[in-house]
Amino acid sequence: MLQLAIYHPQIPQNTGTLLRLVSCLGIHLDIIRPLGFIFSSKKLKRAGMDYISTADYEIHDSFQHFFNKYKNRRIIAMEANQCSIAHNKFRYLKDDILVVGSEHYGFLSEDLKQFSETVKIPMMPNRRSINMAISASMILGEAMSQLNIFPEL
């Protein structure tokens, strides 16, 4: 099943927002340490509200731990600078894992080399980035739409 992952998150509100998102959509979230905040942070809880307790998530001690667990699956980096294709032109598979990078630095170069593919959101010239949680939501939404896996109404 399609999954979402956060690589070295630094801002608790973004992680809380994504926990809320995956709870509502029935998607698993992997959170890859190190974290830039304490997981029990009030800011994380405020953004995630009461959805955190219903979210399906796992915290990994390192990228290597995460990568080793899922090495037989296609792991796709959401990367603004070093990317191979626009997110809306990419063809997603049902077992893909979509990984959004750290808010402060994206991905460490040695880790970025291990991803199967990279995608990015096309943006207007001279713009640096879109908020991490919004970017993850956009790309996850595109993948879910292509795979027709949104929850039934």
C-alpha atoms as a PDB file:
ATOM      1  CA  MET A   1       0.000   0.000   0.000  1.00  0.00           C
ATOM      2  CA  LEU A   2       1.136   3.550  -0.727  1.00  0.00           C
ATOM      3  CA  GLN A   3       3.009   5.174   2.193  1.00  0.00           C
ATOM      4  CA  LEU A   4       4.304   8.598   3.157  1.00  0.00           C
ATOM      5  CA  ALA A   5       7.521   9.284   5.079  1.00  0.00           C
ATOM      6  CA  ILE A   6       9.113  12.353   6.682  1.00  0.00           C
ATOM      7  CA  TYR A   7      12.914  12.565   6.643  1.00  0.00           C
ATOM      8  CA  HIS A   8      14.500  14.372   9.629  1.00  0.00           C
ATOM      9  CA  PRO A   9      11.526  16.654  10.395  1.00  0.00           C
ATOM     10  CA  GLN A  10      12.402  19.887  12.191  1.00  0.00           C
ATOM     11  CA  ILE A  11       9.055  21.643  12.683  1.00  0.00           C
ATOM     12  CA  PRO A  12       6.532  19.863  14.932  1.00  0.00           C
ATOM     13  CA  GLN A  13       3.542  21.580  13.338  1.00  0.00           C
ATOM     14  CA  ASN A  14       4.387  20.046   9.937  1.00  0.00           C
ATOM     15  CA  THR A  15       4.695  16.568  11.417  1.00  0.00           C
ATOM     16  CA  GLY A  16       1.436  17.035  13.325  1.00  0.00           C
ATOM     17  CA  THR A  17      -0.284  18.170  10.147  1.00  0.00           C
ATOM     18  CA  LEU A  18       0.938  15.091   8.268  1.00  0.00           C
ATOM     19  CA  LEU A  19      -0.136  12.779  11.097  1.00  0.00           C
ATOM     20  CA  ARG A  20      -3.584  14.331  10.819  1.00  0.00           C
ATOM     21  CA  LEU A  21      -3.533  13.931   7.023  1.00  0.00           C
ATOM     22  CA  VAL A  22      -2.594  10.243   7.062  1.00  0.00           C
ATOM     23  CA  SER A  23      -5.182   9.521   9.732  1.00  0.00           C
ATOM     24  CA  CYS A  24      -7.902  11.046   7.559  1.00  0.00           C
ATOM     25  CA  LEU A  25      -6.748   9.273   4.377  1.00  0.00           C
ATOM     26  CA  GLY A  26      -5.851   5.856   5.819  1.00  0.00           C
ATOM     27  CA  ILE A  27      -2.175   6.073   4.837  1.00  0.00           C
ATOM     28  CA  HIS A  28       0.826   4.836   6.856  1.00  0.00           C
ATOM     29  CA  LEU A  29       3.442   7.457   7.854  1.00  0.00           C
ATOM     30  CA  ASP A  30       7.105   6.718   8.555  1.00  0.00           C
ATOM     31  CA  ILE A  31       8.973   9.325  10.609  1.00  0.00           C
ATOM     32  CA  ILE A  32      12.755   9.174  10.214  1.00  0.00           C
ATOM     33  CA  ARG A  33      15.014  10.452  13.014  1.00  0.00           C
ATOM     34  CA  PRO A  34      16.677  12.657  13.992  1.00  0.00           C
ATOM     35  CA  LEU A  35      13.780  14.937  14.872  1.00  0.00           C
ATOM     36  CA  GLY A  36      14.238  18.636  15.496  1.00  0.00           C
ATOM     37  CA  PHE A  37      11.708  18.539  18.353  1.00  0.00           C
ATOM     38  CA  ILE A  38      10.455  16.319  21.143  1.00  0.00           C
ATOM     39  CA  PHE A  39       7.725  14.039  19.784  1.00  0.00           C
ATOM     40  CA  SER A  40       5.430  14.857  22.693  1.00  0.00           C
ATOM     41  CA  SER A  41       5.668  18.592  21.876  1.00  0.00           C
ATOM     42  CA  LYS A  42       2.576  20.757  22.445  1.00  0.00           C
ATOM     43  CA  LYS A  43       3.016  22.207  18.945  1.00  0.00           C
ATOM     44  CA  LEU A  44       2.903  18.727  17.407  1.00  0.00           C
ATOM     45  CA  LYS A  45      -0.202  17.848  19.415  1.00  0.00           C
ATOM     46  CA  ARG A  46      -1.911  21.120  18.529  1.00  0.00           C
ATOM     47  CA  ALA A  47      -1.388  20.601  14.786  1.00  0.00           C
ATOM     48  CA  GLY A  48      -2.255  16.900  14.913  1.00  0.00           C
ATOM     49  CA  MET A  49      -5.147  17.408  17.315  1.00  0.00           C
ATOM     50  CA  ASP A  50      -6.842  14.182  18.359  1.00  0.00           C
ATOM     51  CA  TYR A  51      -5.907  12.536  15.040  1.00  0.00           C
ATOM     52  CA  ILE A  52      -2.446  11.515  16.266  1.00  0.00           C
ATOM     53  CA  SER A  53      -3.923   8.676  18.301  1.00  0.00           C
ATOM     54  CA  THR A  54      -5.701   7.345  15.186  1.00  0.00           C
ATOM     55  CA  ALA A  55      -2.754   7.758  12.795  1.00  0.00           C
ATOM     56  CA  ASP A  56      -0.863   4.694  11.565  1.00  0.00           C
ATOM     57  CA  TYR A  57       2.801   5.644  11.965  1.00  0.00           C
ATOM     58  CA  GLU A  58       6.233   4.321  12.862  1.00  0.00           C
ATOM     59  CA  ILE A  59       9.306   6.224  14.038  1.00  0.00           C
ATOM     60  CA  HIS A  60      12.629   4.961  12.638  1.00  0.00           C
ATOM     61  CA  ASP A  61      15.911   5.571  14.447  1.00  0.00           C
ATOM     62  CA  SER A  62      17.760   6.401  11.217  1.00  0.00           C
ATOM     63  CA  PHE A  63      17.431   6.610   7.458  1.00  0.00           C
ATOM     64  CA  GLN A  64      19.389   3.371   7.176  1.00  0.00           C
ATOM     65  CA  HIS A  65      16.904   1.596   9.465  1.00  0.00           C
ATOM     66  CA  PHE A  66      14.016   2.903   7.342  1.00  0.00           C
ATOM     67  CA  PHE A  67      15.766   2.080   4.058  1.00  0.00           C
ATOM     68  CA  ASN A  68      16.704  -1.454   5.144  1.00  0.00           C
ATOM     69  CA  LYS A  69      13.120  -2.176   6.189  1.00  0.00           C
ATOM     70  CA  TYR A  70      11.750  -1.122   2.793  1.00  0.00           C
ATOM     71  CA  LYS A  71      14.692  -1.936   0.494  1.00  0.00           C
ATOM     72  CA  ASN A  72      12.488  -4.110  -1.738  1.00  0.00           C
ATOM     73  CA  ARG A  73      10.066  -1.268  -2.453  1.00  0.00           C
ATOM     74  CA  ARG A  74      10.332   1.808  -4.655  1.00  0.00           C
ATOM     75  CA  ILE A  75      11.239   4.749  -2.401  1.00  0.00           C
ATOM     76  CA  ILE A  76      10.676   8.152  -4.000  1.00  0.00           C
ATOM     77  CA  ALA A  77      12.176  11.413  -2.747  1.00  0.00           C
ATOM     78  CA  MET A  78      10.235  14.652  -3.026  1.00  0.00           C
ATOM     79  CA  GLU A  79      13.174  16.900  -3.889  1.00  0.00           C
ATOM     80  CA  ALA A  80      13.105  20.468  -5.176  1.00  0.00           C
ATOM     81  CA  ASN A  81      16.665  20.670  -6.517  1.00  0.00           C
ATOM     82  CA  GLN A  82      17.907  17.296  -7.750  1.00  0.00           C
ATOM     83  CA  CYS A  83      14.913  15.731  -9.404  1.00  0.00           C
ATOM     84  CA  SER A  84      14.151  13.610 -12.406  1.00  0.00           C
ATOM     85  CA  ILE A  85      10.502  14.425 -13.145  1.00  0.00           C
ATOM     86  CA  ALA A  86       7.534  16.620 -12.227  1.00  0.00           C
ATOM     87  CA  HIS A  87       5.285  14.976  -9.639  1.00  0.00           C
ATOM     88  CA  ASN A  88       2.239  15.137 -11.898  1.00  0.00           C
ATOM     89  CA  LYS A  89       4.055  13.445 -14.823  1.00  0.00           C
ATOM     90  CA  PHE A  90       5.367  10.564 -12.708  1.00  0.00           C
ATOM     91  CA  ARG A  91       3.485   7.233 -12.673  1.00  0.00           C
ATOM     92  CA  TYR A  92       3.001   6.007  -9.115  1.00  0.00           C
ATOM     93  CA  LEU A  93       2.687   2.369  -8.085  1.00  0.00           C
ATOM     94  CA  LYS A  94       0.527   1.038  -5.247  1.00  0.00           C
ATOM     95  CA  ASP A  95       3.536   0.056  -3.095  1.00  0.00           C
ATOM     96  CA  ASP A  96       5.522   3.294  -3.490  1.00  0.00           C
ATOM     97  CA  ILE A  97       6.833   5.135  -0.459  1.00  0.00           C
ATOM     98  CA  LEU A  98       6.876   8.930  -0.899  1.00  0.00           C
ATOM     99  CA  VAL A  99       9.473  10.678   1.250  1.00  0.00           C
ATOM    100  CA  VAL A 100       9.494  14.402   1.966  1.00  0.00           C
ATOM    101  CA  GLY A 101      12.782  15.926   3.125  1.00  0.00           C
ATOM    102  CA  SER A 102      13.711  18.012   6.123  1.00  0.00           C
ATOM    103  CA  GLU A 103      12.317  21.531   6.190  1.00  0.00           C
ATOM    104  CA  HIS A 104      15.806  22.972   6.681  1.00  0.00           C
ATOM    105  CA  TYR A 105      18.032  21.011   4.285  1.00  0.00           C
ATOM    106  CA  GLY A 106      16.026  18.498   2.284  1.00  0.00           C
ATOM    107  CA  PHE A 107      18.098  15.306   2.215  1.00  0.00           C
ATOM    108  CA  LEU A 108      21.693  14.521   3.075  1.00  0.00           C
ATOM    109  CA  SER A 109      23.488  13.837  -0.232  1.00  0.00           C
ATOM    110  CA  GLU A 110      24.568  10.318   0.757  1.00  0.00           C
ATOM    111  CA  ASP A 111      20.958   9.415   1.580  1.00  0.00           C
ATOM    112  CA  LEU A 112      19.525  11.047  -1.540  1.00  0.00           C
ATOM    113  CA  LYS A 113      21.641   8.691  -3.689  1.00  0.00           C
ATOM    114  CA  GLN A 114      19.748   5.691  -2.303  1.00  0.00           C
ATOM    115  CA  PHE A 115      16.294   6.715  -3.553  1.00  0.00           C
ATOM    116  CA  SER A 116      14.766   4.909  -6.532  1.00  0.00           C
ATOM    117  CA  GLU A 117      13.395   8.128  -8.053  1.00  0.00           C
ATOM    118  CA  THR A 118      12.966  11.818  -7.284  1.00  0.00           C
ATOM    119  CA  VAL A 119       9.993  14.037  -8.092  1.00  0.00           C
ATOM    120  CA  LYS A 120       9.316  17.722  -7.667  1.00  0.00           C
ATOM    121  CA  ILE A 121       6.423  20.125  -7.812  1.00  0.00           C
ATOM    122  CA  PRO A 122       6.727  22.496 -10.789  1.00  0.00           C
ATOM    123  CA  MET A 123       6.815  26.084  -9.500  1.00  0.00           C
ATOM    124  CA  MET A 124       7.106  29.600 -10.801  1.00  0.00           C
ATOM    125  CA  PRO A 125      10.674  30.777 -11.516  1.00  0.00           C
ATOM    126  CA  ASN A 126      12.716  32.264  -8.655  1.00  0.00           C
ATOM    127  CA  ARG A 127      10.700  30.522  -5.931  1.00  0.00           C
ATOM    128  CA  ARG A 128      12.605  28.354  -3.446  1.00  0.00           C
ATOM    129  CA  SER A 129      10.049  25.999  -1.998  1.00  0.00           C
ATOM    130  CA  ILE A 130       6.546  25.208  -0.821  1.00  0.00           C
ATOM    131  CA  ASN A 131       5.910  24.286   2.813  1.00  0.00           C
ATOM    132  CA  MET A 132       6.911  20.672   3.480  1.00  0.00           C
ATOM    133  CA  ALA A 133       3.488  19.514   4.703  1.00  0.00           C
ATOM    134  CA  ILE A 134       1.724  21.161   1.757  1.00  0.00           C
ATOM    135  CA  SER A 135       4.214  19.648  -0.702  1.00  0.00           C
ATOM    136  CA  ALA A 136       3.757  16.188   0.789  1.00  0.00           C
ATOM    137  CA  SER A 137      -0.030  16.615   0.619  1.00  0.00           C
ATOM    138  CA  MET A 138       0.070  17.662  -3.022  1.00  0.00           C
ATOM    139  CA  ILE A 139       2.249  14.764  -4.130  1.00  0.00           C
ATOM    140  CA  LEU A 140       0.396  12.224  -1.987  1.00  0.00           C
ATOM    141  CA  GLY A 141      -2.890  13.492  -3.444  1.00  0.00           C
ATOM    142  CA  GLU A 142      -1.590  13.078  -7.002  1.00  0.00           C
ATOM    143  CA  ALA A 143      -0.422   9.523  -6.261  1.00  0.00           C
ATOM    144  CA  MET A 144      -3.709   8.595  -4.571  1.00  0.00           C
ATOM    145  CA  SER A 145      -5.667  10.057  -7.463  1.00  0.00           C
ATOM    146  CA  GLN A 146      -3.654   8.108 -10.049  1.00  0.00           C
ATOM    147  CA  LEU A 147      -4.065   4.899  -8.037  1.00  0.00           C
ATOM    148  CA  ASN A 148      -7.733   5.593  -7.231  1.00  0.00           C
ATOM    149  CA  ILE A 149      -7.226   4.793  -3.540  1.00  0.00           C
ATOM    150  CA  PHE A 150      -9.047   7.582  -1.750  1.00  0.00           C
ATOM    151  CA  PRO A 151     -11.440   6.354   0.969  1.00  0.00           C
ATOM    152  CA  GLU A 152     -14.980   5.770  -0.251  1.00  0.00           C
ATOM    153  CA  LEU A 153     -17.578   8.456   0.519  1.00  0.00           C
END
